[in-house]
Amino acid sequence: MQKLVFESKWEQTISEQDRQKIESTFNKINIPNHQVRLTPLWQAVNHKGELLVTTLIHNSTNQSLSFNNTKVQYDNRVEALFTLPISIDPQTSMPWTFIFPEHPMPEKLGQLKIVE
């Protein structure tokens, strides 16, 4: 059964409102078995003009998932390589914020995908 886990730094700093949004989204999603999926939650632009996309990473496989120079594309327009300092256990979903290079924020929340 898929479980929701917060990385330790997230656990310490996340607001109660954001936690509730994440948990609510997680509880509504049907995650297919044996897949890695990304569910965007919200987007913002920081003071550097970078695009921040907070997402749920779903690992419904039977192996740990690591991002090591993994190409992620957002909204079919912007992509970047990401290496995460953690791995995601099997049958686990975890929130994460991907920070893309300077890019204007799309009008609506787009889709994230791992590019092979």
PDB file of N, CA and C in Angstrom:
ATOM      1  N   MET A   1       0.838  -1.190   0.000  1.00  0.00           N
ATOM      2  CA  MET A   1       0.000   0.000   0.000  1.00  0.00           C
ATOM      3  C   MET A   1       0.879   1.248   0.000  1.00  0.00           C
ATOM      4  N   GLN A   2       0.550   2.192  -0.830  1.00  0.00           N
ATOM      5  CA  GLN A   2       1.303   3.429  -0.964  1.00  0.00           C
ATOM      6  C   GLN A   2       1.185   4.254   0.318  1.00  0.00           C
ATOM      7  N   LYS A   3       2.321   4.818   0.758  1.00  0.00           N
ATOM      8  CA  LYS A   3       2.292   5.662   1.955  1.00  0.00           C
ATOM      9  C   LYS A   3       2.909   7.015   1.625  1.00  0.00           C
ATOM     10  N   LEU A   4       2.490   8.036   2.348  1.00  0.00           N
ATOM     11  CA  LEU A   4       3.001   9.390   2.193  1.00  0.00           C
ATOM     12  C   LEU A   4       4.041   9.640   3.267  1.00  0.00           C
ATOM     13  N   VAL A   5       5.225  10.102   2.844  1.00  0.00           N
ATOM     14  CA  VAL A   5       6.327  10.368   3.774  1.00  0.00           C
ATOM     15  C   VAL A   5       6.864  11.764   3.490  1.00  0.00           C
ATOM     16  N   PHE A   6       7.201  12.486   4.546  1.00  0.00           N
ATOM     17  CA  PHE A   6       7.826  13.803   4.420  1.00  0.00           C
ATOM     18  C   PHE A   6       9.295  13.683   4.787  1.00  0.00           C
ATOM     19  N   GLU A   7      10.167  14.184   3.921  1.00  0.00           N
ATOM     20  CA  GLU A   7      11.601  14.230   4.206  1.00  0.00           C
ATOM     21  C   GLU A   7      11.788  15.030   5.485  1.00  0.00           C
ATOM     22  N   SER A   8      12.831  14.746   6.266  1.00  0.00           N
ATOM     23  CA  SER A   8      12.979  15.313   7.612  1.00  0.00           C
ATOM     24  C   SER A   8      12.963  16.844   7.623  1.00  0.00           C
ATOM     25  N   LYS A   9      13.595  17.492   6.652  1.00  0.00           N
ATOM     26  CA  LYS A   9      13.580  18.964   6.628  1.00  0.00           C
ATOM     27  C   LYS A   9      12.182  19.499   6.325  1.00  0.00           C
ATOM     28  N   TRP A  10      11.459  18.788   5.470  1.00  0.00           N
ATOM     29  CA  TRP A  10      10.072  19.177   5.215  1.00  0.00           C
ATOM     30  C   TRP A  10       9.254  19.019   6.493  1.00  0.00           C
ATOM     31  N   GLU A  11       9.468  17.920   7.172  1.00  0.00           N
ATOM     32  CA  GLU A  11       8.721  17.627   8.408  1.00  0.00           C
ATOM     33  C   GLU A  11       8.862  18.777   9.405  1.00  0.00           C
ATOM     34  N   GLN A  12      10.035  19.383   9.451  1.00  0.00           N
ATOM     35  CA  GLN A  12      10.319  20.451  10.410  1.00  0.00           C
ATOM     36  C   GLN A  12       9.783  21.810   9.979  1.00  0.00           C
ATOM     37  N   THR A  13       9.637  22.042   8.669  1.00  0.00           N
ATOM     38  CA  THR A  13       9.346  23.401   8.213  1.00  0.00           C
ATOM     39  C   THR A  13       8.000  23.598   7.523  1.00  0.00           C
ATOM     40  N   ILE A  14       7.330  22.539   7.160  1.00  0.00           N
ATOM     41  CA  ILE A  14       6.086  22.685   6.396  1.00  0.00           C
ATOM     42  C   ILE A  14       4.976  23.278   7.257  1.00  0.00           C
ATOM     43  N   SER A  15       4.208  24.174   6.661  1.00  0.00           N
ATOM     44  CA  SER A  15       3.076  24.760   7.383  1.00  0.00           C
ATOM     45  C   SER A  15       1.956  23.729   7.486  1.00  0.00           C
ATOM     46  N   GLU A  16       1.107  23.894   8.464  1.00  0.00           N
ATOM     47  CA  GLU A  16      -0.015  22.972   8.632  1.00  0.00           C
ATOM     48  C   GLU A  16      -0.953  23.042   7.430  1.00  0.00           C
ATOM     49  N   GLN A  17      -1.140  24.237   6.886  1.00  0.00           N
ATOM     50  CA  GLN A  17      -1.992  24.412   5.717  1.00  0.00           C
ATOM     51  C   GLN A  17      -1.438  23.644   4.511  1.00  0.00           C
ATOM     52  N   ASP A  18      -0.134  23.753   4.263  1.00  0.00           N
ATOM     53  CA  ASP A  18       0.470  23.027   3.145  1.00  0.00           C
ATOM     54  C   ASP A  18       0.433  21.519   3.372  1.00  0.00           C
ATOM     55  N   ARG A  19       0.665  21.100   4.600  1.00  0.00           N
ATOM     56  CA  ARG A  19       0.591  19.665   4.920  1.00  0.00           C
ATOM     57  C   ARG A  19      -0.805  19.132   4.601  1.00  0.00           C
ATOM     58  N   GLN A  20      -1.823  19.857   4.983  1.00  0.00           N
ATOM     59  CA  GLN A  20      -3.193  19.415   4.725  1.00  0.00           C
ATOM     60  C   GLN A  20      -3.486  19.334   3.231  1.00  0.00           C
ATOM     61  N   LYS A  21      -2.982  20.315   2.445  1.00  0.00           N
ATOM     62  CA  LYS A  21      -3.174  20.279   0.987  1.00  0.00           C
ATOM     63  C   LYS A  21      -2.504  19.042   0.398  1.00  0.00           C
ATOM     64  N   ILE A  22      -1.284  18.764   0.836  1.00  0.00           N
ATOM     65  CA  ILE A  22      -0.540  17.614   0.323  1.00  0.00           C
ATOM     66  C   ILE A  22      -1.250  16.318   0.692  1.00  0.00           C
ATOM     67  N   GLU A  23      -1.646  16.177   1.947  1.00  0.00           N
ATOM     68  CA  GLU A  23      -2.326  14.963   2.387  1.00  0.00           C
ATOM     69  C   GLU A  23      -3.652  14.776   1.659  1.00  0.00           C
ATOM     70  N   SER A  24      -4.386  15.856   1.455  1.00  0.00           N
ATOM     71  CA  SER A  24      -5.660  15.777   0.750  1.00  0.00           C
ATOM     72  C   SER A  24      -5.455  15.316  -0.695  1.00  0.00           C
ATOM     73  N   THR A  25      -4.476  15.885  -1.372  1.00  0.00           N
ATOM     74  CA  THR A  25      -4.185  15.475  -2.747  1.00  0.00           C
ATOM     75  C   THR A  25      -3.761  14.014  -2.792  1.00  0.00           C
ATOM     76  N   PHE A  26      -2.872  13.616  -1.892  1.00  0.00           N
ATOM     77  CA  PHE A  26      -2.397  12.239  -1.842  1.00  0.00           C
ATOM     78  C   PHE A  26      -3.570  11.269  -1.664  1.00  0.00           C
ATOM     79  N   ASN A  27      -4.499  11.596  -0.788  1.00  0.00           N
ATOM     80  CA  ASN A  27      -5.628  10.709  -0.509  1.00  0.00           C
ATOM     81  C   ASN A  27      -6.597  10.580  -1.685  1.00  0.00           C
ATOM     82  N   LYS A  28      -6.576  11.537  -2.614  1.00  0.00           N
ATOM     83  CA  LYS A  28      -7.484  11.516  -3.761  1.00  0.00           C
ATOM     84  C   LYS A  28      -6.892  10.822  -4.987  1.00  0.00           C
ATOM     85  N   ILE A  29      -5.584  10.597  -5.000  1.00  0.00           N
ATOM     86  CA  ILE A  29      -4.912  10.095  -6.201  1.00  0.00           C
ATOM     87  C   ILE A  29      -4.909   8.575  -6.233  1.00  0.00           C
ATOM     88  N   ASN A  30      -5.204   8.044  -7.415  1.00  0.00           N
ATOM     89  CA  ASN A  30      -5.083   6.613  -7.658  1.00  0.00           C
ATOM     90  C   ASN A  30      -3.739   6.402  -8.344  1.00  0.00           C
ATOM     91  N   ILE A  31      -2.807   5.767  -7.682  1.00  0.00           N
ATOM     92  CA  ILE A  31      -1.453   5.596  -8.188  1.00  0.00           C
ATOM     93  C   ILE A  31      -1.317   4.194  -8.769  1.00  0.00           C
ATOM     94  N   PRO A  32      -1.093   4.103 -10.094  1.00  0.00           N
ATOM     95  CA  PRO A  32      -0.931   2.783 -10.718  1.00  0.00           C
ATOM     96  C   PRO A  32       0.285   2.050 -10.154  1.00  0.00           C
ATOM     97  N   ASN A  33       0.181   0.744 -10.049  1.00  0.00           N
ATOM     98  CA  ASN A  33       1.296  -0.074  -9.557  1.00  0.00           C
ATOM     99  C   ASN A  33       2.466  -0.045 -10.530  1.00  0.00           C
ATOM    100  N   HIS A  34       3.664  -0.197  -9.962  1.00  0.00           N
ATOM    101  CA  HIS A  34       4.900  -0.358 -10.724  1.00  0.00           C
ATOM    102  C   HIS A  34       5.221   0.830 -11.619  1.00  0.00           C
ATOM    103  N   GLN A  35       4.913   2.026 -11.134  1.00  0.00           N
ATOM    104  CA  GLN A  35       5.196   3.230 -11.902  1.00  0.00           C
ATOM    105  C   GLN A  35       5.829   4.299 -11.014  1.00  0.00           C
ATOM    106  N   VAL A  36       6.486   5.238 -11.680  1.00  0.00           N
ATOM    107  CA  VAL A  36       6.938   6.460 -11.033  1.00  0.00           C
ATOM    108  C   VAL A  36       6.130   7.579 -11.672  1.00  0.00           C
ATOM    109  N   ARG A  37       5.450   8.356 -10.845  1.00  0.00           N
ATOM    110  CA  ARG A  37       4.619   9.452 -11.355  1.00  0.00           C
ATOM    111  C   ARG A  37       4.901  10.699 -10.564  1.00  0.00           C
ATOM    112  N   LEU A  38       4.674  11.833 -11.206  1.00  0.00           N
ATOM    113  CA  LEU A  38       4.846  13.132 -10.566  1.00  0.00           C
ATOM    114  C   LEU A  38       3.515  13.868 -10.626  1.00  0.00           C
ATOM    115  N   THR A  39       3.039  14.329  -9.475  1.00  0.00           N
ATOM    116  CA  THR A  39       1.789  15.070  -9.412  1.00  0.00           C
ATOM    117  C   THR A  39       2.092  16.491  -8.950  1.00  0.00           C
ATOM    118  N   PRO A  40       1.970  17.495  -9.848  1.00  0.00           N
ATOM    119  CA  PRO A  40       2.234  18.873  -9.429  1.00  0.00           C
ATOM    120  C   PRO A  40       1.166  19.352  -8.444  1.00  0.00           C
ATOM    121  N   LEU A  41       1.623  20.092  -7.433  1.00  0.00           N
ATOM    122  CA  LEU A  41       0.720  20.614  -6.410  1.00  0.00           C
ATOM    123  C   LEU A  41       0.505  22.118  -6.565  1.00  0.00           C
ATOM    124  N   TRP A  42       1.596  22.874  -6.688  1.00  0.00           N
ATOM    125  CA  TRP A  42       1.519  24.315  -6.897  1.00  0.00           C
ATOM    126  C   TRP A  42       2.835  24.807  -7.480  1.00  0.00           C
ATOM    127  N   GLN A  43       2.811  26.041  -7.981  1.00  0.00           N
ATOM    128  CA  GLN A  43       3.988  26.636  -8.592  1.00  0.00           C
ATOM    129  C   GLN A  43       4.158  28.061  -8.093  1.00  0.00           C
ATOM    130  N   ALA A  44       5.386  28.551  -8.179  1.00  0.00           N
ATOM    131  CA  ALA A  44       5.697  29.922  -7.775  1.00  0.00           C
ATOM    132  C   ALA A  44       6.988  30.341  -8.471  1.00  0.00           C
ATOM    133  N   VAL A  45       7.272  31.619  -8.427  1.00  0.00           N
ATOM    134  CA  VAL A  45       8.544  32.139  -8.914  1.00  0.00           C
ATOM    135  C   VAL A  45       9.226  32.804  -7.730  1.00  0.00           C
ATOM    136  N   ASN A  46      10.511  32.476  -7.516  1.00  0.00           N
ATOM    137  CA  ASN A  46      11.227  33.067  -6.385  1.00  0.00           C
ATOM    138  C   ASN A  46      11.873  34.400  -6.773  1.00  0.00           C
ATOM    139  N   HIS A  47      12.594  35.006  -5.833  1.00  0.00           N
ATOM    140  CA  HIS A  47      13.207  36.314  -6.045  1.00  0.00           C
ATOM    141  C   HIS A  47      14.285  36.307  -7.132  1.00  0.00           C
ATOM    142  N   LYS A  48      14.790  35.133  -7.495  1.00  0.00           N
ATOM    143  CA  LYS A  48      15.788  35.011  -8.561  1.00  0.00           C
ATOM    144  C   LYS A  48      15.140  34.798  -9.929  1.00  0.00           C
ATOM    145  N   GLY A  49      13.812  34.700  -9.962  1.00  0.00           N
ATOM    146  CA  GLY A  49      13.113  34.439 -11.214  1.00  0.00           C
ATOM    147  C   GLY A  49      13.045  32.967 -11.572  1.00  0.00           C
ATOM    148  N   GLU A  50      13.462  32.097 -10.630  1.00  0.00           N
ATOM    149  CA  GLU A  50      13.414  30.657 -10.867  1.00  0.00           C
ATOM    150  C   GLU A  50      11.992  30.147 -10.647  1.00  0.00           C
ATOM    151  N   LEU A  51      11.626  29.161 -11.419  1.00  0.00           N
ATOM    152  CA  LEU A  51      10.305  28.558 -11.321  1.00  0.00           C
ATOM    153  C   LEU A  51      10.350  27.399 -10.334  1.00  0.00           C
ATOM    154  N   LEU A  52       9.559  27.474  -9.283  1.00  0.00           N
ATOM    155  CA  LEU A  52       9.485  26.430  -8.268  1.00  0.00           C
ATOM    156  C   LEU A  52       8.187  25.650  -8.464  1.00  0.00           C
ATOM    157  N   VAL A  53       8.314  24.349  -8.615  1.00  0.00           N
ATOM    158  CA  VAL A  53       7.131  23.509  -8.799  1.00  0.00           C
ATOM    159  C   VAL A  53       7.138  22.450  -7.699  1.00  0.00           C
ATOM    160  N   THR A  54       6.197  22.583  -6.779  1.00  0.00           N
ATOM    161  CA  THR A  54       6.079  21.605  -5.703  1.00  0.00           C
ATOM    162  C   THR A  54       5.212  20.462  -6.210  1.00  0.00           C
ATOM    163  N   THR A  55       5.687  19.257  -5.968  1.00  0.00           N
ATOM    164  CA  THR A  55       5.051  18.071  -6.532  1.00  0.00           C
ATOM    165  C   THR A  55       5.051  16.923  -5.537  1.00  0.00           C
ATOM    166  N   LEU A  56       4.240  15.939  -5.798  1.00  0.00           N
ATOM    167  CA  LEU A  56       4.338  14.658  -5.106  1.00  0.00           C
ATOM    168  C   LEU A  56       5.041  13.695  -6.046  1.00  0.00           C
ATOM    169  N   ILE A  57       6.112  13.096  -5.573  1.00  0.00           N
ATOM    170  CA  ILE A  57       6.800  12.054  -6.331  1.00  0.00           C
ATOM    171  C   ILE A  57       6.249  10.727  -5.828  1.00  0.00           C
ATOM    172  N   HIS A  58       5.680   9.943  -6.735  1.00  0.00           N
ATOM    173  CA  HIS A  58       5.104   8.647  -6.366  1.00  0.00           C
ATOM    174  C   HIS A  58       6.002   7.537  -6.893  1.00  0.00           C
ATOM    175  N   ASN A  59       6.492   6.709  -6.005  1.00  0.00           N
ATOM    176  CA  ASN A  59       7.255   5.524  -6.391  1.00  0.00           C
ATOM    177  C   ASN A  59       6.430   4.304  -6.006  1.00  0.00           C
ATOM    178  N   SER A  60       5.690   3.764  -6.962  1.00  0.00           N
ATOM    179  CA  SER A  60       4.864   2.583  -6.658  1.00  0.00           C
ATOM    180  C   SER A  60       5.538   1.308  -7.152  1.00  0.00           C
ATOM    181  N   THR A  61       6.858   1.390  -7.359  1.00  0.00           N
ATOM    182  CA  THR A  61       7.621   0.211  -7.768  1.00  0.00           C
ATOM    183  C   THR A  61       8.074  -0.560  -6.532  1.00  0.00           C
ATOM    184  N   ASN A  62       8.800  -1.634  -6.756  1.00  0.00           N
ATOM    185  CA  ASN A  62       9.326  -2.431  -5.649  1.00  0.00           C
ATOM    186  C   ASN A  62      10.785  -2.124  -5.347  1.00  0.00           C
ATOM    187  N   GLN A  63      11.300  -1.039  -5.926  1.00  0.00           N
ATOM    188  CA  GLN A  63      12.695  -0.653  -5.702  1.00  0.00           C
ATOM    189  C   GLN A  63      12.769   0.803  -5.267  1.00  0.00           C
ATOM    190  N   SER A  64      13.828   1.142  -4.541  1.00  0.00           N
ATOM    191  CA  SER A  64      14.051   2.537  -4.163  1.00  0.00           C
ATOM    192  C   SER A  64      14.270   3.367  -5.414  1.00  0.00           C
ATOM    193  N   LEU A  65      13.876   4.623  -5.338  1.00  0.00           N
ATOM    194  CA  LEU A  65      13.987   5.546  -6.460  1.00  0.00           C
ATOM    195  C   LEU A  65      14.975   6.646  -6.110  1.00  0.00           C
ATOM    196  N   SER A  66      15.948   6.847  -6.978  1.00  0.00           N
ATOM    197  CA  SER A  66      16.912   7.934  -6.809  1.00  0.00           C
ATOM    198  C   SER A  66      16.867   8.822  -8.034  1.00  0.00           C
ATOM    199  N   PHE A  67      17.040  10.116  -7.824  1.00  0.00           N
ATOM    200  CA  PHE A  67      17.182  11.059  -8.923  1.00  0.00           C
ATOM    201  C   PHE A  67      18.649  11.438  -8.961  1.00  0.00           C
ATOM    202  N   ASN A  68      19.355  11.012 -10.010  1.00  0.00           N
ATOM    203  CA  ASN A  68      20.770  11.332 -10.175  1.00  0.00           C
ATOM    204  C   ASN A  68      20.955  11.846 -11.599  1.00  0.00           C
ATOM    205  N   ASN A  69      21.028  13.171 -11.725  1.00  0.00           N
ATOM    206  CA  ASN A  69      21.054  13.802 -13.047  1.00  0.00           C
ATOM    207  C   ASN A  69      19.876  13.339 -13.896  1.00  0.00           C
ATOM    208  N   THR A  70      18.712  13.338 -13.278  1.00  0.00           N
ATOM    209  CA  THR A  70      17.480  12.921 -13.936  1.00  0.00           C
ATOM    210  C   THR A  70      16.823  14.137 -14.575  1.00  0.00           C
ATOM    211  N   LYS A  71      16.496  14.021 -15.846  1.00  0.00           N
ATOM    212  CA  LYS A  71      15.879  15.141 -16.566  1.00  0.00           C
ATOM    213  C   LYS A  71      14.380  15.156 -16.286  1.00  0.00           C
ATOM    214  N   VAL A  72      13.911  16.310 -15.808  1.00  0.00           N
ATOM    215  CA  VAL A  72      12.487  16.501 -15.527  1.00  0.00           C
ATOM    216  C   VAL A  72      12.009  17.672 -16.374  1.00  0.00           C
ATOM    217  N   GLN A  73      10.862  17.477 -17.005  1.00  0.00           N
ATOM    218  CA  GLN A  73      10.283  18.506 -17.868  1.00  0.00           C
ATOM    219  C   GLN A  73       8.989  18.999 -17.243  1.00  0.00           C
ATOM    220  N   TYR A  74       8.772  20.320 -17.335  1.00  0.00           N
ATOM    221  CA  TYR A  74       7.551  20.915 -16.805  1.00  0.00           C
ATOM    222  C   TYR A  74       6.793  21.616 -17.925  1.00  0.00           C
ATOM    223  N   ASP A  75       5.545  21.299 -18.035  1.00  0.00           N
ATOM    224  CA  ASP A  75       4.636  21.976 -18.951  1.00  0.00           C
ATOM    225  C   ASP A  75       5.117  21.906 -20.400  1.00  0.00           C
ATOM    226  N   ASN A  76       5.834  20.838 -20.752  1.00  0.00           N
ATOM    227  CA  ASN A  76       6.367  20.625 -22.104  1.00  0.00           C
ATOM    228  C   ASN A  76       7.230  21.776 -22.605  1.00  0.00           C
ATOM    229  N   ARG A  77       7.723  22.628 -21.675  1.00  0.00           N
ATOM    230  CA  ARG A  77       8.495  23.785 -22.116  1.00  0.00           C
ATOM    231  C   ARG A  77       9.846  23.927 -21.435  1.00  0.00           C
ATOM    232  N   VAL A  78       9.913  23.669 -20.181  1.00  0.00           N
ATOM    233  CA  VAL A  78      11.151  23.901 -19.437  1.00  0.00           C
ATOM    234  C   VAL A  78      11.615  22.585 -18.835  1.00  0.00           C
ATOM    235  N   GLU A  79      12.924  22.320 -18.929  1.00  0.00           N
ATOM    236  CA  GLU A  79      13.439  21.086 -18.350  1.00  0.00           C
ATOM    237  C   GLU A  79      14.792  21.358 -17.716  1.00  0.00           C
ATOM    238  N   ALA A  80      15.135  20.499 -16.776  1.00  0.00           N
ATOM    239  CA  ALA A  80      16.413  20.618 -16.071  1.00  0.00           C
ATOM    240  C   ALA A  80      16.783  19.250 -15.520  1.00  0.00           C
ATOM    241  N   LEU A  81      18.067  19.116 -15.168  1.00  0.00           N
ATOM    242  CA  LEU A  81      18.563  17.891 -14.535  1.00  0.00           C
ATOM    243  C   LEU A  81      18.498  18.056 -13.029  1.00  0.00           C
ATOM    244  N   PHE A  82      18.056  17.004 -12.341  1.00  0.00           N
ATOM    245  CA  PHE A  82      17.932  17.052 -10.893  1.00  0.00           C
ATOM    246  C   PHE A  82      18.610  15.854 -10.245  1.00  0.00           C
ATOM    247  N   THR A  83      19.292  16.120  -9.155  1.00  0.00           N
ATOM    248  CA  THR A  83      19.836  15.086  -8.284  1.00  0.00           C
ATOM    249  C   THR A  83      19.285  15.377  -6.897  1.00  0.00           C
ATOM    250  N   LEU A  84      18.545  14.432  -6.340  1.00  0.00           N
ATOM    251  CA  LEU A  84      17.964  14.632  -5.013  1.00  0.00           C
ATOM    252  C   LEU A  84      18.883  14.024  -3.960  1.00  0.00           C
ATOM    253  N   PRO A  85      18.976  14.649  -2.792  1.00  0.00           N
ATOM    254  CA  PRO A  85      19.853  14.149  -1.734  1.00  0.00           C
ATOM    255  C   PRO A  85      19.294  12.952  -0.975  1.00  0.00           C
ATOM    256  N   ILE A  86      18.151  12.479  -1.398  1.00  0.00           N
ATOM    257  CA  ILE A  86      17.484  11.346  -0.730  1.00  0.00           C
ATOM    258  C   ILE A  86      17.021  10.357  -1.792  1.00  0.00           C
ATOM    259  N   SER A  87      16.677   9.158  -1.349  1.00  0.00           N
ATOM    260  CA  SER A  87      16.003   8.215  -2.249  1.00  0.00           C
ATOM    261  C   SER A  87      14.598   7.999  -1.694  1.00  0.00           C
ATOM    262  N   ILE A  88      13.725   7.582  -2.553  1.00  0.00           N
ATOM    263  CA  ILE A  88      12.330   7.367  -2.166  1.00  0.00           C
ATOM    264  C   ILE A  88      12.071   5.871  -2.132  1.00  0.00           C
ATOM    265  N   ASP A  89      11.670   5.403  -0.978  1.00  0.00           N
ATOM    266  CA  ASP A  89      11.444   3.971  -0.773  1.00  0.00           C
ATOM    267  C   ASP A  89      10.342   3.441  -1.684  1.00  0.00           C
ATOM    268  N   PRO A  90      10.327   2.128  -1.886  1.00  0.00           N
ATOM    269  CA  PRO A  90       9.243   1.514  -2.662  1.00  0.00           C
ATOM    270  C   PRO A  90       7.885   1.803  -2.021  1.00  0.00           C
ATOM    271  N   GLN A  91       6.874   1.905  -2.852  1.00  0.00           N
ATOM    272  CA  GLN A  91       5.494   2.118  -2.397  1.00  0.00           C
ATOM    273  C   GLN A  91       5.365   3.373  -1.522  1.00  0.00           C
ATOM    274  N   THR A  92       6.103   4.424  -1.912  1.00  0.00           N
ATOM    275  CA  THR A  92       6.135   5.655  -1.119  1.00  0.00           C
ATOM    276  C   THR A  92       5.932   6.871  -2.014  1.00  0.00           C
ATOM    277  N   SER A  93       5.206   7.838  -1.499  1.00  0.00           N
ATOM    278  CA  SER A  93       5.057   9.140  -2.144  1.00  0.00           C
ATOM    279  C   SER A  93       5.680  10.175  -1.228  1.00  0.00           C
ATOM    280  N   MET A  94       6.326  11.183  -1.845  1.00  0.00           N
ATOM    281  CA  MET A  94       7.015  12.206  -1.058  1.00  0.00           C
ATOM    282  C   MET A  94       6.895  13.550  -1.775  1.00  0.00           C
ATOM    283  N   PRO A  95       6.576  14.615  -1.034  1.00  0.00           N
ATOM    284  CA  PRO A  95       6.566  15.930  -1.664  1.00  0.00           C
ATOM    285  C   PRO A  95       7.992  16.425  -1.887  1.00  0.00           C
ATOM    286  N   TRP A  96       8.158  17.182  -2.970  1.00  0.00           N
ATOM    287  CA  TRP A  96       9.457  17.769  -3.288  1.00  0.00           C
ATOM    288  C   TRP A  96       9.221  18.998  -4.146  1.00  0.00           C
ATOM    289  N   THR A  97      10.100  19.972  -4.042  1.00  0.00           N
ATOM    290  CA  THR A  97      10.020  21.153  -4.898  1.00  0.00           C
ATOM    291  C   THR A  97      11.165  21.126  -5.898  1.00  0.00           C
ATOM    292  N   PHE A  98      10.820  21.104  -7.166  1.00  0.00           N
ATOM    293  CA  PHE A  98      11.803  21.186  -8.242  1.00  0.00           C
ATOM    294  C   PHE A  98      11.993  22.654  -8.582  1.00  0.00           C
ATOM    295  N   ILE A  99      13.238  23.089  -8.675  1.00  0.00           N
ATOM    296  CA  ILE A  99      13.553  24.476  -8.988  1.00  0.00           C
ATOM    297  C   ILE A  99      14.170  24.521 -10.380  1.00  0.00           C
ATOM    298  N   PHE A 100      13.434  25.125 -11.305  1.00  0.00           N
ATOM    299  CA  PHE A 100      13.886  25.233 -12.684  1.00  0.00           C
ATOM    300  C   PHE A 100      14.582  26.580 -12.886  1.00  0.00           C
ATOM    301  N   PRO A 101      15.506  26.644 -13.844  1.00  0.00           N
ATOM    302  CA  PRO A 101      16.188  27.908 -14.119  1.00  0.00           C
ATOM    303  C   PRO A 101      15.183  29.019 -14.430  1.00  0.00           C
ATOM    304  N   GLU A 102      15.661  30.225 -14.399  1.00  0.00           N
ATOM    305  CA  GLU A 102      14.809  31.390 -14.615  1.00  0.00           C
ATOM    306  C   GLU A 102      13.822  31.144 -15.752  1.00  0.00           C
ATOM    307  N   HIS A 103      12.552  31.290 -15.410  1.00  0.00           N
ATOM    308  CA  HIS A 103      11.499  31.004 -16.380  1.00  0.00           C
ATOM    309  C   HIS A 103      10.212  31.651 -15.881  1.00  0.00           C
ATOM    310  N   PRO A 104       9.455  32.297 -16.773  1.00  0.00           N
ATOM    311  CA  PRO A 104       8.183  32.884 -16.330  1.00  0.00           C
ATOM    312  C   PRO A 104       7.209  31.801 -15.883  1.00  0.00           C
ATOM    313  N   MET A 105       6.381  32.146 -14.935  1.00  0.00           N
ATOM    314  CA  MET A 105       5.419  31.176 -14.424  1.00  0.00           C
ATOM    315  C   MET A 105       4.266  31.012 -15.414  1.00  0.00           C
ATOM    316  N   PRO A 106       3.962  29.757 -15.794  1.00  0.00           N
ATOM    317  CA  PRO A 106       2.802  29.529 -16.666  1.00  0.00           C
ATOM    318  C   PRO A 106       1.520  30.003 -15.985  1.00  0.00           C
ATOM    319  N   GLU A 107       0.520  30.331 -16.786  1.00  0.00           N
ATOM    320  CA  GLU A 107      -0.742  30.824 -16.243  1.00  0.00           C
ATOM    321  C   GLU A 107      -1.444  29.795 -15.374  1.00  0.00           C
ATOM    322  N   LYS A 108      -1.314  28.520 -15.743  1.00  0.00           N
ATOM    323  CA  LYS A 108      -1.954  27.480 -14.942  1.00  0.00           C
ATOM    324  C   LYS A 108      -0.939  26.385 -14.641  1.00  0.00           C
ATOM    325  N   LEU A 109      -1.248  25.587 -13.647  1.00  0.00           N
ATOM    326  CA  LEU A 109      -0.383  24.502 -13.233  1.00  0.00           C
ATOM    327  C   LEU A 109      -0.238  23.494 -14.361  1.00  0.00           C
ATOM    328  N   GLY A 110       0.989  23.163 -14.720  1.00  0.00           N
ATOM    329  CA  GLY A 110       1.251  22.245 -15.818  1.00  0.00           C
ATOM    330  C   GLY A 110       1.545  20.839 -15.338  1.00  0.00           C
ATOM    331  N   GLN A 111       2.052  20.026 -16.241  1.00  0.00           N
ATOM    332  CA  GLN A 111       2.384  18.647 -15.930  1.00  0.00           C
ATOM    333  C   GLN A 111       3.891  18.476 -15.832  1.00  0.00           C
ATOM    334  N   LEU A 112       4.316  17.607 -14.951  1.00  0.00           N
ATOM    335  CA  LEU A 112       5.723  17.242 -14.798  1.00  0.00           C
ATOM    336  C   LEU A 112       5.919  15.835 -15.324  1.00  0.00           C
ATOM    337  N   LYS A 113       7.056  15.620 -15.972  1.00  0.00           N
ATOM    338  CA  LYS A 113       7.363  14.249 -16.385  1.00  0.00           C
ATOM    339  C   LYS A 113       8.871  14.049 -16.398  1.00  0.00           C
ATOM    340  N   ILE A 114       9.239  12.811 -16.167  1.00  0.00           N
ATOM    341  CA  ILE A 114      10.640  12.418 -16.256  1.00  0.00           C
ATOM    342  C   ILE A 114      10.911  12.117 -17.723  1.00  0.00           C
ATOM    343  N   VAL A 115      11.968  12.707 -18.245  1.00  0.00           N
ATOM    344  CA  VAL A 115      12.329  12.515 -19.642  1.00  0.00           C
ATOM    345  C   VAL A 115      13.434  11.468 -19.707  1.00  0.00           C
ATOM    346  N   GLU A 116      13.172  10.424 -20.440  1.00  0.00           N
ATOM    347  CA  GLU A 116      14.142   9.331 -20.575  1.00  0.00           C
ATOM    348  C   GLU A 116      15.245   9.704 -21.529  1.00  0.00           C
TER     349      GLU A 116
END
